[in-house]
N, C-alpha and C. Protein backbone atom coordinates (compact mmCIF):
# COMPACT_ATOMS: atom_id res chain seq x y z
N MET A 1 -14.42 -10.88 31.10
CA MET A 1 -15.27 -9.55 30.92
C MET A 1 -15.15 -9.12 29.38
N SER A 2 -16.22 -8.53 29.22
CA SER A 2 -16.39 -7.85 27.68
C SER A 2 -15.54 -6.54 27.86
N LYS A 3 -15.36 -5.94 26.57
CA LYS A 3 -14.78 -4.66 26.63
C LYS A 3 -15.55 -3.50 27.58
N SER A 4 -16.92 -3.67 27.65
CA SER A 4 -17.52 -2.85 28.31
C SER A 4 -17.67 -3.11 29.82
N GLY A 5 -17.12 -4.44 30.13
CA GLY A 5 -17.07 -4.82 31.64
C GLY A 5 -18.26 -5.81 31.87
N ARG A 6 -19.04 -6.02 31.11
CA ARG A 6 -20.13 -6.83 31.26
C ARG A 6 -19.52 -8.40 31.34
N PRO A 7 -20.00 -9.15 32.29
CA PRO A 7 -19.63 -10.63 32.28
C PRO A 7 -20.05 -11.31 31.02
N ARG A 8 -19.24 -12.37 30.68
CA ARG A 8 -19.71 -13.14 29.55
C ARG A 8 -20.14 -14.41 30.09
N GLU A 9 -21.31 -14.90 29.65
CA GLU A 9 -21.60 -16.26 30.24
C GLU A 9 -21.42 -17.46 29.26
N PHE A 10 -20.52 -17.15 28.45
CA PHE A 10 -20.43 -18.36 27.18
C PHE A 10 -19.00 -18.10 26.67
N LYS A 11 -18.52 -19.04 25.89
CA LYS A 11 -17.15 -19.09 25.36
C LYS A 11 -17.23 -18.23 24.12
N ASP A 12 -16.57 -17.15 24.07
CA ASP A 12 -16.55 -16.21 23.05
C ASP A 12 -16.16 -16.97 21.74
N THR A 13 -14.99 -17.82 21.74
CA THR A 13 -14.53 -18.48 20.47
C THR A 13 -15.64 -19.33 19.85
N ALA A 14 -16.34 -20.15 20.86
CA ALA A 14 -17.52 -20.90 20.18
C ALA A 14 -18.58 -20.18 19.54
N VAL A 15 -18.93 -19.06 20.16
CA VAL A 15 -19.92 -18.16 19.55
C VAL A 15 -19.31 -17.59 18.29
N ILE A 16 -18.16 -17.08 18.32
CA ILE A 16 -17.71 -16.30 17.00
C ILE A 16 -17.37 -17.42 16.03
N ASP A 17 -16.87 -18.78 16.28
CA ASP A 17 -16.79 -19.60 15.17
C ASP A 17 -18.11 -20.07 14.60
N ALA A 18 -19.21 -20.22 15.57
CA ALA A 18 -20.59 -20.37 15.02
C ALA A 18 -21.12 -19.37 14.03
N ALA A 19 -20.93 -18.31 14.48
CA ALA A 19 -21.34 -17.09 13.67
C ALA A 19 -20.34 -16.96 12.24
N MET A 20 -19.18 -17.23 12.31
CA MET A 20 -18.14 -17.16 11.25
C MET A 20 -18.68 -18.32 10.22
N GLU A 21 -19.11 -19.34 10.56
CA GLU A 21 -19.63 -20.50 9.82
C GLU A 21 -20.94 -20.11 9.10
N LEU A 22 -21.90 -19.23 9.68
CA LEU A 22 -23.13 -18.75 9.19
C LEU A 22 -22.73 -17.82 8.20
N PHE A 23 -21.82 -16.76 8.68
CA PHE A 23 -21.41 -15.68 7.60
C PHE A 23 -20.88 -16.38 6.43
N TRP A 24 -20.03 -17.32 6.59
CA TRP A 24 -19.11 -17.91 5.39
C TRP A 24 -20.42 -18.70 4.68
N GLU A 25 -21.25 -19.42 4.85
CA GLU A 25 -22.31 -19.96 4.10
C GLU A 25 -23.10 -18.98 3.32
N ASN A 26 -23.62 -17.93 4.20
CA ASN A 26 -24.59 -16.98 3.58
C ASN A 26 -24.14 -15.69 3.16
N GLY A 27 -22.93 -15.21 3.77
CA GLY A 27 -22.46 -13.67 3.30
C GLY A 27 -23.23 -12.92 4.46
N TYR A 28 -22.71 -11.71 4.68
CA TYR A 28 -23.33 -10.85 5.66
C TYR A 28 -24.86 -10.44 5.32
N GLU A 29 -25.30 -9.95 4.14
CA GLU A 29 -26.42 -9.30 4.16
C GLU A 29 -27.63 -10.63 4.35
N ALA A 30 -27.21 -11.75 4.02
CA ALA A 30 -28.31 -12.69 4.03
C ALA A 30 -28.32 -13.33 5.45
N CYS A 31 -27.39 -13.02 6.40
CA CYS A 31 -27.66 -13.50 7.82
C CYS A 31 -28.59 -12.56 8.69
N SER A 32 -29.68 -13.12 9.09
CA SER A 32 -30.45 -12.28 10.06
C SER A 32 -29.88 -12.36 11.25
N THR A 33 -30.59 -11.75 12.39
CA THR A 33 -30.06 -11.66 13.73
C THR A 33 -30.66 -13.05 14.23
N ASP A 34 -32.08 -13.53 13.69
CA ASP A 34 -32.55 -14.78 14.05
C ASP A 34 -31.59 -15.65 13.84
N ASP A 35 -31.16 -15.81 12.67
CA ASP A 35 -30.30 -16.96 12.23
C ASP A 35 -29.16 -16.99 12.97
N LEU A 36 -28.41 -16.01 13.18
CA LEU A 36 -27.15 -15.83 14.29
C LEU A 36 -27.61 -16.36 15.69
N CYS A 37 -28.81 -16.11 16.19
CA CYS A 37 -29.34 -16.68 17.49
C CYS A 37 -29.20 -18.08 17.51
N LYS A 38 -29.99 -18.68 16.38
CA LYS A 38 -29.94 -20.04 16.24
C LYS A 38 -28.76 -20.66 16.10
N GLN A 39 -27.95 -20.09 15.27
CA GLN A 39 -26.63 -20.66 15.01
C GLN A 39 -25.64 -20.75 16.30
N THR A 40 -25.68 -19.68 16.97
CA THR A 40 -24.80 -19.46 18.21
C THR A 40 -25.53 -19.84 19.45
N GLY A 41 -26.81 -20.31 19.61
CA GLY A 41 -27.51 -20.59 20.79
C GLY A 41 -27.60 -19.56 21.74
N LEU A 42 -27.46 -18.26 21.50
CA LEU A 42 -27.64 -17.08 22.24
C LEU A 42 -29.06 -16.40 21.94
N GLY A 43 -29.57 -15.96 22.86
CA GLY A 43 -30.76 -15.12 22.64
C GLY A 43 -30.52 -13.63 22.10
N ARG A 44 -31.28 -13.06 21.59
CA ARG A 44 -30.98 -11.90 20.89
C ARG A 44 -30.49 -10.78 22.05
N GLY A 45 -30.84 -10.89 23.11
CA GLY A 45 -30.25 -9.80 24.18
C GLY A 45 -29.06 -10.21 24.51
N SER A 46 -28.63 -11.42 24.78
CA SER A 46 -27.37 -11.80 24.91
C SER A 46 -26.35 -11.51 23.75
N LEU A 47 -26.91 -11.68 22.62
CA LEU A 47 -26.01 -11.50 21.38
C LEU A 47 -25.65 -10.03 21.30
N TYR A 48 -26.72 -9.08 21.52
CA TYR A 48 -26.60 -7.74 21.51
C TYR A 48 -25.67 -7.27 22.67
N ASN A 49 -25.91 -7.80 23.85
CA ASN A 49 -25.14 -7.36 25.13
C ASN A 49 -23.59 -7.62 24.88
N ALA A 50 -23.30 -8.88 24.23
CA ALA A 50 -21.93 -9.34 24.21
C ALA A 50 -21.21 -8.48 22.89
N TYR A 51 -22.05 -8.43 21.93
CA TYR A 51 -21.24 -7.97 20.59
C TYR A 51 -21.68 -6.54 20.18
N GLY A 52 -22.95 -6.16 20.61
CA GLY A 52 -23.34 -4.86 20.25
C GLY A 52 -24.18 -4.81 18.99
N SER A 53 -23.79 -5.50 17.97
CA SER A 53 -24.47 -5.49 16.75
C SER A 53 -24.08 -6.71 15.88
N LYS A 54 -25.04 -7.14 14.91
CA LYS A 54 -24.50 -8.02 13.92
C LYS A 54 -23.21 -7.66 13.24
N HIS A 55 -23.06 -6.42 13.02
CA HIS A 55 -21.71 -6.08 12.25
C HIS A 55 -20.56 -6.25 13.32
N GLU A 56 -20.65 -5.89 14.37
CA GLU A 56 -19.57 -6.17 15.48
C GLU A 56 -19.19 -7.62 15.37
N LEU A 57 -20.31 -8.63 15.49
CA LEU A 57 -19.91 -10.02 15.45
C LEU A 57 -19.34 -10.42 14.21
N TYR A 58 -19.76 -9.71 13.06
CA TYR A 58 -19.24 -10.09 11.70
C TYR A 58 -17.71 -9.80 11.94
N GLU A 59 -17.50 -8.64 12.25
CA GLU A 59 -16.08 -8.10 12.46
C GLU A 59 -15.25 -9.04 13.42
N GLN A 60 -15.75 -9.48 14.43
CA GLN A 60 -15.04 -10.52 15.12
C GLN A 60 -14.92 -11.97 14.40
N ALA A 61 -15.73 -12.27 13.68
CA ALA A 61 -15.74 -13.67 12.93
C ALA A 61 -14.63 -13.52 11.81
N LEU A 62 -14.62 -12.08 11.05
CA LEU A 62 -13.70 -11.86 10.08
C LEU A 62 -12.23 -12.01 10.79
N LEU A 63 -12.05 -11.31 11.94
CA LEU A 63 -10.81 -11.27 12.51
C LEU A 63 -10.24 -12.50 13.00
N ARG A 64 -11.12 -13.34 13.50
CA ARG A 64 -10.72 -14.87 13.96
C ARG A 64 -10.35 -15.49 12.61
N TYR A 65 -10.95 -15.38 11.42
CA TYR A 65 -10.82 -16.10 10.19
C TYR A 65 -9.34 -15.59 9.67
N HIS A 66 -9.20 -14.43 9.88
CA HIS A 66 -8.04 -13.73 9.28
C HIS A 66 -6.98 -14.28 10.07
N GLU A 67 -7.02 -14.39 11.35
CA GLU A 67 -5.90 -14.67 12.28
C GLU A 67 -5.36 -16.17 12.03
N ILE A 68 -6.42 -17.21 12.05
CA ILE A 68 -6.42 -18.45 11.69
C ILE A 68 -5.30 -18.76 10.37
N GLY A 69 -6.21 -18.08 9.51
CA GLY A 69 -5.61 -18.25 8.09
C GLY A 69 -4.34 -17.80 7.73
N ILE A 70 -4.09 -16.44 8.40
CA ILE A 70 -2.60 -15.89 7.92
C ILE A 70 -1.69 -16.64 8.60
N GLN A 71 -1.83 -17.08 9.84
CA GLN A 71 -0.81 -17.95 10.60
C GLN A 71 -0.51 -19.06 9.67
N ALA A 72 -1.63 -19.90 9.29
CA ALA A 72 -1.15 -20.97 8.46
C ALA A 72 -0.51 -20.61 7.42
N GLN A 73 -0.76 -19.64 6.61
CA GLN A 73 -0.23 -19.38 5.43
C GLN A 73 1.26 -18.93 5.51
N ILE A 74 1.65 -18.12 6.51
CA ILE A 74 2.99 -17.56 7.00
C ILE A 74 3.78 -18.99 7.47
N GLU A 75 3.17 -19.68 8.33
CA GLU A 75 4.00 -21.04 8.65
C GLU A 75 4.46 -21.71 7.51
N ILE A 76 3.82 -21.83 6.51
CA ILE A 76 4.08 -22.53 5.26
C ILE A 76 5.10 -21.81 4.52
N LEU A 77 5.17 -20.63 4.63
CA LEU A 77 6.34 -19.88 3.74
C LEU A 77 7.65 -19.71 4.48
N GLN A 78 7.40 -19.70 5.70
CA GLN A 78 8.64 -19.78 6.70
C GLN A 78 9.32 -21.09 7.06
N ARG A 79 8.66 -22.16 6.47
CA ARG A 79 9.33 -23.56 6.67
C ARG A 79 10.69 -23.47 6.30
N GLN A 80 11.45 -24.55 6.47
CA GLN A 80 12.87 -24.59 5.97
C GLN A 80 12.71 -25.42 4.60
N GLY A 81 13.62 -25.47 3.71
CA GLY A 81 13.49 -25.98 2.40
C GLY A 81 13.56 -25.09 1.37
N PRO A 82 13.50 -25.64 0.08
CA PRO A 82 13.42 -24.87 -1.21
C PRO A 82 12.12 -23.92 -1.25
N ILE A 83 12.50 -22.90 -1.85
CA ILE A 83 11.45 -21.82 -1.90
C ILE A 83 10.33 -22.55 -2.76
N LYS A 84 10.59 -23.16 -3.83
CA LYS A 84 9.65 -23.74 -4.74
C LYS A 84 8.75 -24.83 -4.08
N ASP A 85 9.27 -25.48 -3.07
CA ASP A 85 8.45 -26.33 -2.22
C ASP A 85 7.52 -25.54 -1.44
N ARG A 86 7.88 -24.53 -0.87
CA ARG A 86 7.10 -23.72 0.08
C ARG A 86 6.06 -23.10 -0.77
N LEU A 87 6.32 -22.76 -2.05
CA LEU A 87 5.15 -21.85 -2.76
C LEU A 87 4.17 -22.99 -3.21
N ARG A 88 4.79 -24.03 -3.62
CA ARG A 88 3.80 -25.23 -3.93
C ARG A 88 2.92 -25.61 -2.69
N ALA A 89 3.45 -25.73 -1.73
CA ALA A 89 2.70 -26.04 -0.49
C ALA A 89 1.59 -25.00 -0.25
N LEU A 90 1.92 -23.85 -0.36
CA LEU A 90 0.93 -22.63 -0.13
C LEU A 90 -0.08 -22.87 -1.30
N LEU A 91 0.10 -23.04 -2.26
CA LEU A 91 -1.06 -23.18 -3.40
C LEU A 91 -1.81 -24.51 -3.03
N ASP A 92 -1.16 -25.55 -2.65
CA ASP A 92 -1.80 -26.84 -2.37
C ASP A 92 -2.56 -26.59 -1.10
N TRP A 93 -2.21 -25.78 -0.24
CA TRP A 93 -2.97 -25.50 0.98
C TRP A 93 -4.24 -24.84 0.62
N ALA A 94 -4.11 -24.00 -0.23
CA ALA A 94 -5.28 -22.86 -0.72
C ALA A 94 -6.36 -24.01 -1.55
N ILE A 95 -5.78 -24.81 -2.26
CA ILE A 95 -6.72 -25.74 -3.09
C ILE A 95 -7.57 -26.62 -1.91
N GLN A 96 -6.62 -27.14 -0.93
CA GLN A 96 -7.15 -27.96 0.06
C GLN A 96 -8.23 -27.15 0.81
N GLU A 97 -7.77 -25.98 1.16
CA GLU A 97 -9.07 -25.17 1.95
C GLU A 97 -10.29 -25.04 1.15
N ASP A 98 -9.97 -24.83 -0.10
CA ASP A 98 -11.29 -24.22 -1.05
C ASP A 98 -12.14 -25.31 -1.43
N PHE A 99 -11.53 -26.57 -1.49
CA PHE A 99 -12.38 -27.84 -2.07
C PHE A 99 -12.61 -28.58 -0.84
N SER A 100 -12.38 -28.40 0.53
CA SER A 100 -12.62 -29.32 1.55
C SER A 100 -13.93 -29.17 2.05
N ASN A 101 -14.78 -28.25 1.55
CA ASN A 101 -16.17 -28.16 1.87
C ASN A 101 -16.93 -28.45 0.58
N GLU A 102 -17.96 -29.28 0.77
CA GLU A 102 -18.94 -29.57 -0.53
C GLU A 102 -19.56 -28.56 -1.09
N ASN A 103 -19.62 -27.33 -0.30
CA ASN A 103 -20.28 -26.35 -0.80
C ASN A 103 -19.38 -25.26 -1.50
N ARG A 104 -18.05 -25.72 -1.31
CA ARG A 104 -17.00 -24.76 -1.87
C ARG A 104 -17.30 -23.30 -1.66
N ARG A 105 -17.30 -23.07 -0.31
CA ARG A 105 -17.51 -21.53 0.27
C ARG A 105 -16.50 -20.79 -0.14
N GLY A 106 -15.01 -21.02 -0.49
CA GLY A 106 -14.14 -20.18 -0.74
C GLY A 106 -13.48 -19.65 0.55
N CYS A 107 -12.83 -18.67 0.33
CA CYS A 107 -12.31 -17.88 1.35
C CYS A 107 -13.06 -16.82 1.99
N LEU A 108 -13.26 -16.93 3.17
CA LEU A 108 -14.28 -16.04 3.80
C LEU A 108 -13.88 -14.50 3.60
N LEU A 109 -12.60 -14.25 3.78
CA LEU A 109 -12.17 -12.93 3.52
C LEU A 109 -12.41 -12.43 1.92
N ILE A 110 -12.02 -13.07 1.27
CA ILE A 110 -12.21 -12.76 -0.15
C ILE A 110 -13.81 -12.65 -0.54
N ASN A 111 -14.47 -13.69 -0.17
CA ASN A 111 -15.78 -13.47 -0.04
C ASN A 111 -16.44 -12.28 0.54
N ALA A 112 -15.98 -11.98 1.65
CA ALA A 112 -16.41 -10.62 2.18
C ALA A 112 -15.95 -9.53 1.59
N ALA A 113 -14.84 -9.52 1.06
CA ALA A 113 -14.15 -8.29 0.18
C ALA A 113 -15.11 -7.93 -0.94
N MET A 114 -15.39 -9.09 -1.67
CA MET A 114 -16.18 -8.99 -2.91
C MET A 114 -17.52 -8.31 -2.55
N GLU A 115 -18.14 -9.01 -1.46
CA GLU A 115 -19.64 -8.47 -0.94
C GLU A 115 -19.71 -7.08 -0.39
N ARG A 116 -18.59 -6.80 0.23
CA ARG A 116 -18.72 -5.44 1.13
C ARG A 116 -17.44 -4.45 1.25
N ALA A 117 -16.34 -4.78 0.59
CA ALA A 117 -15.36 -4.02 0.64
C ALA A 117 -15.40 -2.62 0.39
N GLN A 118 -16.23 -2.37 -0.65
CA GLN A 118 -16.35 -1.03 -1.24
C GLN A 118 -17.22 -0.06 -0.33
N ARG A 119 -18.03 -0.67 0.63
CA ARG A 119 -18.94 0.22 1.43
C ARG A 119 -18.68 -0.13 2.87
N ASP A 120 -17.90 -1.05 3.19
CA ASP A 120 -17.58 -1.33 4.70
C ASP A 120 -16.01 -1.27 4.96
N PRO A 121 -15.69 -0.14 5.52
CA PRO A 121 -14.27 0.12 5.94
C PRO A 121 -13.43 -1.19 6.80
N VAL A 122 -14.34 -1.58 7.77
CA VAL A 122 -13.90 -2.76 8.43
C VAL A 122 -13.51 -3.92 7.70
N VAL A 123 -14.40 -4.33 6.55
CA VAL A 123 -13.88 -5.49 5.75
C VAL A 123 -12.65 -5.05 4.94
N GLU A 124 -12.57 -3.79 4.27
CA GLU A 124 -11.45 -3.31 3.52
C GLU A 124 -10.32 -3.32 4.19
N ARG A 125 -10.50 -3.02 5.74
CA ARG A 125 -9.20 -2.83 6.64
C ARG A 125 -8.75 -4.46 6.78
N LEU A 126 -9.62 -5.26 7.18
CA LEU A 126 -9.10 -6.72 7.67
C LEU A 126 -8.58 -7.33 6.17
N PHE A 127 -9.24 -7.13 5.17
CA PHE A 127 -8.74 -7.71 3.93
C PHE A 127 -7.26 -7.21 3.47
N THR A 128 -7.14 -5.88 3.68
CA THR A 128 -5.98 -5.28 3.26
C THR A 128 -4.74 -5.64 4.30
N ARG A 129 -5.24 -5.97 5.49
CA ARG A 129 -4.01 -6.31 6.56
C ARG A 129 -3.69 -7.89 6.11
N HIS A 130 -4.68 -8.78 5.80
CA HIS A 130 -4.46 -10.04 5.46
C HIS A 130 -3.20 -10.09 4.35
N VAL A 131 -3.91 -9.27 3.26
CA VAL A 131 -2.92 -9.52 1.96
C VAL A 131 -1.60 -8.79 2.25
N ASP A 132 -1.61 -7.70 2.99
CA ASP A 132 -0.15 -7.08 3.31
C ASP A 132 0.72 -8.05 4.07
N LEU A 133 0.21 -8.75 5.01
CA LEU A 133 0.98 -9.69 5.84
C LEU A 133 1.52 -10.91 4.85
N LEU A 134 0.68 -11.22 4.12
CA LEU A 134 1.12 -12.34 3.19
C LEU A 134 2.05 -11.87 2.23
N GLU A 135 1.97 -10.63 1.62
CA GLU A 135 2.78 -10.22 0.73
C GLU A 135 4.12 -9.80 1.28
N ARG A 136 4.33 -9.32 2.63
CA ARG A 136 5.52 -9.22 3.33
C ARG A 136 6.39 -10.56 3.51
N THR A 137 5.69 -11.35 3.78
CA THR A 137 6.14 -12.68 4.03
C THR A 137 6.64 -13.46 2.81
N LEU A 138 5.86 -13.16 1.81
CA LEU A 138 6.31 -13.68 0.50
C LEU A 138 7.53 -12.88 -0.19
N HIS A 139 7.50 -11.58 0.11
CA HIS A 139 8.63 -10.78 -0.33
C HIS A 139 10.02 -11.15 0.42
N LEU A 140 10.04 -11.39 1.55
CA LEU A 140 11.16 -11.80 2.22
C LEU A 140 11.58 -13.48 1.79
N ALA A 141 10.64 -14.27 1.52
CA ALA A 141 10.84 -15.57 1.05
C ALA A 141 11.56 -15.43 -0.44
N ILE A 142 11.02 -14.61 -1.33
CA ILE A 142 11.48 -14.63 -2.70
C ILE A 142 12.49 -13.89 -2.72
N GLU A 143 12.88 -12.69 -2.13
CA GLU A 143 14.18 -12.03 -2.12
C GLU A 143 15.43 -12.74 -1.49
N THR A 144 14.99 -13.78 -0.45
CA THR A 144 16.11 -14.64 0.12
C THR A 144 16.40 -15.55 -0.93
N ALA A 145 15.47 -16.18 -1.59
CA ALA A 145 15.64 -17.25 -2.67
C ALA A 145 16.44 -16.53 -3.85
N GLN A 146 16.19 -15.45 -4.07
CA GLN A 146 17.01 -14.83 -5.09
C GLN A 146 18.53 -14.51 -4.80
N MET A 147 18.60 -14.22 -3.55
CA MET A 147 20.04 -13.92 -3.09
C MET A 147 20.80 -15.36 -3.15
N SER A 148 20.15 -16.50 -2.89
CA SER A 148 20.63 -17.71 -2.73
C SER A 148 20.84 -18.26 -4.00
N GLY A 149 20.17 -17.80 -5.16
CA GLY A 149 20.20 -18.36 -6.31
C GLY A 149 19.31 -19.29 -6.80
N GLU A 150 18.31 -19.55 -5.85
CA GLU A 150 17.03 -20.47 -6.11
C GLU A 150 16.10 -19.73 -7.18
N ILE A 151 16.21 -18.53 -7.27
CA ILE A 151 15.21 -17.89 -8.11
C ILE A 151 16.08 -16.75 -9.02
N SER A 152 15.94 -16.74 -10.22
CA SER A 152 16.68 -15.72 -11.10
C SER A 152 16.28 -14.46 -10.69
N ARG A 153 17.25 -13.48 -10.75
CA ARG A 153 17.24 -12.15 -10.61
C ARG A 153 16.79 -11.43 -11.82
N THR A 154 16.30 -12.11 -12.77
CA THR A 154 15.80 -11.33 -13.93
C THR A 154 14.60 -10.27 -13.69
N HIS A 155 13.68 -10.76 -12.76
CA HIS A 155 12.71 -9.96 -12.37
C HIS A 155 12.87 -9.48 -10.89
N GLN A 156 12.46 -8.10 -10.62
CA GLN A 156 12.44 -7.81 -9.14
C GLN A 156 11.61 -8.62 -8.37
N ALA A 157 12.14 -8.86 -7.05
CA ALA A 157 11.18 -9.67 -6.23
C ALA A 157 9.77 -9.17 -6.08
N SER A 158 9.72 -7.77 -6.02
CA SER A 158 8.26 -7.36 -5.67
C SER A 158 7.42 -7.50 -6.90
N ASP A 159 8.04 -7.83 -8.20
CA ASP A 159 7.15 -7.93 -9.26
C ASP A 159 6.83 -9.44 -9.22
N LEU A 160 7.72 -10.26 -8.78
CA LEU A 160 7.37 -11.82 -8.62
C LEU A 160 6.40 -11.99 -7.54
N VAL A 161 6.50 -11.21 -6.49
CA VAL A 161 5.39 -11.34 -5.35
C VAL A 161 4.09 -10.88 -5.75
N HIS A 162 4.02 -9.79 -6.69
CA HIS A 162 2.79 -9.25 -7.21
C HIS A 162 2.14 -10.30 -8.08
N LEU A 163 2.94 -10.90 -9.13
CA LEU A 163 2.44 -11.92 -10.03
C LEU A 163 1.99 -13.27 -9.16
N PHE A 164 2.72 -13.61 -8.06
CA PHE A 164 2.28 -14.81 -7.48
C PHE A 164 0.80 -14.41 -6.62
N LEU A 165 0.86 -13.20 -6.12
CA LEU A 165 -0.32 -12.95 -5.38
C LEU A 165 -1.61 -12.94 -6.25
N SER A 166 -1.34 -12.36 -7.29
CA SER A 166 -2.49 -12.07 -8.25
C SER A 166 -3.12 -13.56 -8.72
N ASN A 167 -1.95 -14.56 -9.04
CA ASN A 167 -2.52 -15.87 -9.36
C ASN A 167 -2.92 -16.57 -8.19
N TYR A 168 -2.52 -16.47 -7.01
CA TYR A 168 -2.96 -16.96 -5.85
C TYR A 168 -4.34 -16.61 -5.54
N TYR A 169 -4.74 -15.39 -5.58
CA TYR A 169 -6.01 -14.74 -5.09
C TYR A 169 -7.00 -15.18 -6.28
N GLY A 170 -6.43 -15.18 -7.66
CA GLY A 170 -7.21 -15.47 -8.65
C GLY A 170 -7.72 -16.75 -8.71
N LEU A 171 -6.70 -17.77 -8.30
CA LEU A 171 -7.10 -19.14 -8.11
C LEU A 171 -8.11 -19.53 -7.08
N ARG A 172 -8.00 -18.65 -6.04
CA ARG A 172 -8.94 -18.87 -4.76
C ARG A 172 -10.38 -18.39 -5.29
N VAL A 173 -10.53 -17.24 -6.03
CA VAL A 173 -11.76 -16.90 -6.55
C VAL A 173 -12.39 -17.99 -7.73
N LEU A 174 -11.52 -18.43 -8.58
CA LEU A 174 -11.82 -19.29 -9.37
C LEU A 174 -12.38 -20.62 -8.73
N ASN A 175 -11.72 -21.08 -7.75
CA ASN A 175 -12.05 -22.33 -7.09
C ASN A 175 -13.59 -22.49 -6.73
N ALA A 176 -14.26 -21.37 -6.40
CA ALA A 176 -15.54 -21.49 -6.22
C ALA A 176 -16.37 -22.12 -7.41
N ALA A 177 -15.91 -21.92 -8.58
CA ALA A 177 -16.75 -22.53 -9.63
C ALA A 177 -15.95 -23.57 -10.57
N GLN A 178 -14.80 -23.65 -10.35
CA GLN A 178 -13.95 -24.48 -11.18
C GLN A 178 -13.63 -25.98 -10.52
N ASN A 179 -13.17 -26.95 -11.23
CA ASN A 179 -12.87 -28.20 -10.66
C ASN A 179 -11.58 -28.30 -10.19
N ARG A 180 -11.20 -29.09 -9.29
CA ARG A 180 -10.09 -29.27 -8.54
C ARG A 180 -8.87 -29.60 -9.73
N GLU A 181 -9.12 -30.45 -10.74
CA GLU A 181 -8.00 -30.73 -11.76
C GLU A 181 -7.59 -29.24 -12.24
N ARG A 182 -8.42 -28.51 -12.71
CA ARG A 182 -8.07 -27.04 -13.28
C ARG A 182 -7.39 -26.37 -12.30
N ALA A 183 -7.60 -26.12 -11.13
CA ALA A 183 -6.94 -25.59 -9.99
C ALA A 183 -5.64 -26.18 -9.68
N VAL A 184 -5.43 -27.43 -10.05
CA VAL A 184 -4.06 -27.89 -9.73
C VAL A 184 -3.21 -27.50 -10.97
N GLN A 185 -3.79 -27.45 -12.17
CA GLN A 185 -2.99 -27.16 -13.43
C GLN A 185 -2.75 -25.45 -13.29
N ILE A 186 -3.48 -24.67 -12.76
CA ILE A 186 -3.31 -23.37 -12.67
C ILE A 186 -2.13 -23.09 -11.73
N ALA A 187 -2.06 -23.89 -10.34
CA ALA A 187 -1.04 -23.79 -9.46
C ALA A 187 0.17 -24.21 -10.08
N LYS A 188 0.10 -25.29 -10.98
CA LYS A 188 1.52 -25.77 -11.49
C LYS A 188 2.01 -24.67 -12.66
N ALA A 189 1.07 -24.12 -13.31
CA ALA A 189 1.47 -22.97 -14.12
C ALA A 189 2.07 -21.84 -13.81
N THR A 190 1.60 -21.49 -12.28
CA THR A 190 2.07 -20.04 -11.59
C THR A 190 3.50 -20.56 -11.17
N LEU A 191 3.86 -21.83 -10.59
CA LEU A 191 5.00 -22.20 -10.25
C LEU A 191 5.95 -21.91 -11.35
N GLU A 192 5.59 -22.53 -12.54
CA GLU A 192 6.40 -22.47 -13.63
C GLU A 192 6.88 -21.14 -14.17
N ILE A 193 5.74 -20.22 -14.07
CA ILE A 193 6.15 -18.71 -14.36
C ILE A 193 7.06 -18.20 -13.47
N VAL A 194 7.09 -18.39 -12.23
CA VAL A 194 7.83 -17.87 -11.04
C VAL A 194 9.21 -18.36 -11.33
N PHE A 195 9.30 -19.56 -11.81
CA PHE A 195 10.69 -20.24 -11.87
C PHE A 195 11.11 -20.42 -13.12
């Protein structure tokens, strides 16, 4: 049942995933309701009955992307092993994600934030939640690594986290227009600065 009590006659995740792909390719503004109906296989009435509006479907697509992406990133950071290997694995994951599609769509949440965060509180809230969760996980990992001597205590853990995050998100933005070789060089330089 939906939030309003109406029965659903289709798989929610399949519809949300289909919409997510379209929003990812085109952005929010360039997606029409007709495009969403074609992509999801739903009629206009079914789409509105199930999700209320294009924006509500967009929110569901962003939320699903957030949940999948943040889980993958947190799992990498919480692995066993040296912190340097985990940070490298996170950077490698980002490069793989960003270059895995020939259109190089980048990160859907970053794209959404750049397109709409200034005027869309839903996008701002979801992007902030995503970054906050990654920041907290990074902070714990770096702080633990400083206590064990893997990372020098010359800088505060929070400063290293902010440095890493700015490089990480900067890398992801640049990946939309740079080649993979340069992305790998930036990732390598980021690790050298932290260590």
